[in-house]
Protein backbone atom coordinates (compact mmCIF):
# COMPACT_ATOMS: atom_id res chain seq x y z
CA MET A 1 6.72 13.84 45.55
CA SER A 2 4.23 13.92 42.74
CA THR A 3 4.66 16.75 40.30
CA ARG A 4 0.78 16.52 39.11
CA PRO A 5 -1.00 19.54 40.31
CA ILE A 6 -3.81 18.56 42.88
CA GLY A 7 -6.34 19.61 40.62
CA ASP A 8 -5.33 16.82 38.10
CA TYR A 9 -7.01 14.12 40.82
CA ALA A 10 -10.64 13.19 41.44
CA LEU A 11 -11.73 11.83 44.84
CA LEU A 12 -13.32 8.77 45.62
CA SER A 13 -14.90 7.93 49.32
CA ASP A 14 -16.61 5.34 51.24
CA CYS A 15 -17.18 7.58 54.31
CA ARG A 16 -14.38 5.58 56.01
CA SER A 17 -11.43 6.04 53.68
CA ALA A 18 -10.57 8.20 50.50
CA ALA A 19 -8.84 7.59 47.26
CA LEU A 20 -7.34 10.16 44.71
CA VAL A 21 -7.50 9.26 41.00
CA SER A 22 -5.18 10.95 38.51
CA THR A 23 -6.49 11.73 35.10
CA ALA A 24 -3.53 9.27 33.98
CA GLY A 25 -5.98 6.43 35.32
CA SER A 26 -3.62 5.97 38.61
CA VAL A 27 -4.69 5.68 41.99
CA ASP A 28 -1.88 7.60 44.00
CA TRP A 29 -3.36 7.61 47.23
CA LEU A 30 -5.53 5.44 49.15
CA CYS A 31 -5.29 4.52 52.83
CA LEU A 32 -7.21 1.33 54.11
CA PRO A 33 -9.17 0.43 55.95
CA ARG A 34 -9.37 4.32 57.35
CA PHE A 35 -8.47 7.69 56.58
CA ASP A 36 -5.73 7.27 59.36
CA SER A 37 -4.60 4.17 58.31
CA PRO A 38 -1.06 3.68 56.57
CA ALA A 39 -1.37 4.38 52.77
CA VAL A 40 -1.42 1.26 50.68
CA PHE A 41 -0.95 3.66 47.38
CA GLY A 42 1.13 6.69 48.37
CA ARG A 43 2.69 7.92 44.90
CA LEU A 44 1.14 11.33 45.73
CA LEU A 45 4.00 11.85 48.28
CA ASP A 46 6.62 9.43 46.79
CA GLU A 47 7.11 8.06 43.36
CA GLU A 48 8.19 4.62 44.72
CA ALA A 49 5.36 4.50 47.46
CA GLY A 50 2.57 2.49 45.48
CA HIS A 51 0.14 3.15 42.81
CA TRP A 52 -2.60 1.19 40.90
CA THR A 53 -2.73 2.31 37.12
CA ILE A 54 -4.92 1.23 34.23
CA ARG A 55 -4.59 2.97 30.88
CA PRO A 56 -3.95 2.50 27.36
CA ARG A 57 -0.48 2.27 26.05
CA GLY A 58 0.82 5.54 24.07
CA PRO A 59 -0.81 8.80 24.03
CA SER A 60 -4.76 9.32 24.56
CA GLU A 61 -7.25 12.14 25.01
CA VAL A 62 -8.66 11.91 28.56
CA THR A 63 -12.17 13.00 29.52
CA ARG A 64 -13.68 12.35 33.24
CA ARG A 65 -16.70 12.75 35.12
CA TYR A 66 -18.75 11.40 37.98
CA VAL A 67 -21.48 9.42 37.19
CA PRO A 68 -24.59 11.48 38.13
CA GLU A 69 -25.39 11.39 41.81
CA THR A 70 -22.70 9.26 42.86
CA LEU A 71 -18.96 9.28 43.59
CA VAL A 72 -18.42 6.70 40.85
CA LEU A 73 -15.61 8.34 38.60
CA GLU A 74 -15.88 7.37 34.70
CA THR A 75 -12.59 8.14 32.86
CA THR A 76 -12.73 7.95 29.23
CA PHE A 77 -9.09 7.31 27.14
CA ARG A 78 -9.71 7.85 23.54
CA THR A 79 -6.49 6.29 21.41
CA ALA A 80 -5.82 6.14 17.80
CA SER A 81 -6.70 2.56 18.18
CA GLY A 82 -10.12 2.95 20.13
CA THR A 83 -11.68 3.86 23.38
CA MET A 84 -11.40 2.57 27.09
CA VAL A 85 -13.80 3.51 29.75
CA LEU A 86 -12.46 2.86 33.40
CA LEU A 87 -14.96 3.11 36.39
CA ASP A 88 -13.64 3.86 39.95
CA ALA A 89 -15.32 3.67 43.03
CA LEU A 90 -14.69 3.00 46.75
CA ALA A 91 -17.66 0.61 47.71
CA MET A 92 -19.57 0.96 51.20
CA GLY A 93 -20.66 -2.11 52.70
CA HIS A 94 -23.85 -4.16 51.89
CA ARG A 95 -26.92 -2.16 52.51
CA GLU A 96 -24.99 0.81 54.06
CA ARG A 97 -26.24 4.20 53.31
CA GLY A 98 -29.38 2.72 51.46
CA HIS A 99 -27.92 1.21 48.69
CA ALA A 100 -26.61 -2.31 47.49
CA LEU A 101 -23.43 -1.31 45.34
CA ALA A 102 -21.46 -3.58 47.60
CA ALA A 103 -23.54 -6.39 47.63
CA SER A 104 -20.66 -8.73 46.14
CA SER A 105 -17.65 -6.77 47.21
CA PRO A 106 -15.84 -6.00 50.64
CA ALA A 107 -16.19 -2.65 52.20
CA SER A 108 -13.49 -0.33 51.29
CA CYS A 109 -12.72 -2.18 48.04
CA CYS A 110 -11.39 -0.16 45.11
CA ALA A 111 -13.52 -1.34 42.11
CA ARG A 112 -12.04 -0.99 38.65
CA SER A 113 -14.32 -2.15 36.00
CA ARG A 114 -12.43 -1.52 32.48
CA ALA A 115 -12.46 -2.54 28.89
CA PRO A 116 -9.13 -4.27 27.84
CA ALA A 117 -6.21 -2.04 28.69
CA ASP A 118 -2.92 -1.94 27.07
CA ARG A 119 -1.15 -1.38 30.27
CA TRP A 120 -1.94 -1.77 34.01
CA ARG A 121 0.31 -1.68 37.09
CA TRP A 122 -0.52 -2.95 40.70
CA ARG A 123 2.04 -1.75 43.27
CA PRO A 124 0.71 -1.42 46.56
CA THR A 125 2.82 -0.62 49.64
CA SER A 126 2.64 -1.04 53.49
CA ARG A 127 4.19 0.13 56.38
CA HIS A 128 4.40 3.64 54.82
CA ALA A 129 6.34 2.17 51.81
CA ARG A 130 8.75 0.34 53.36
CA SER A 131 7.72 -2.67 51.86
CA SER A 132 5.75 -3.44 48.52
CA ALA A 133 4.87 -6.05 45.88
CA SER A 134 4.34 -5.52 42.12
CA SER A 135 2.60 -6.83 39.15
CA THR A 136 2.84 -5.23 35.77
CA ARG A 137 1.18 -6.29 32.23
C-alpha cells in the first residue's frame, strides 16, 4: 500500500473513469475503461500493482495546477539542470461534452505531453495485478 497521503494526489476524469496522479509524476490509480473495471495502474494499493511515471532524475521542486476551467493537470518539475512540464488528462470521446480535446486520441486515453524526461516507467497490470508488463528508460 502506498505511504503517500491521499492529499498528494490530483484527480483526472473523463466521466467514465478516473486516475490519481501523485506529485512525483506517477499515475498510481487508473481503471479502464470504466470506474468499475480492474485497475491498470494500482500502486495506490500495492507497490507492485502498476504505475506510469514520468519525472526528472534526482531532486526537484514540484508545483502543480489545473489548467483553468479544465481537468488538465500541469505539473512543473524544477531541477538544477532545467525545468520539465508534464500535462496529464483523461480525454473524452470525440465531440463529447461539446469539445474537441479527443479528436485525435481514443476515449479514456491518458494523455501525457512532456519535455524530455530523464526517467520514465510504464508498468501496466491486468487482472488485478496478477500479470504485468514493464518498460523503463
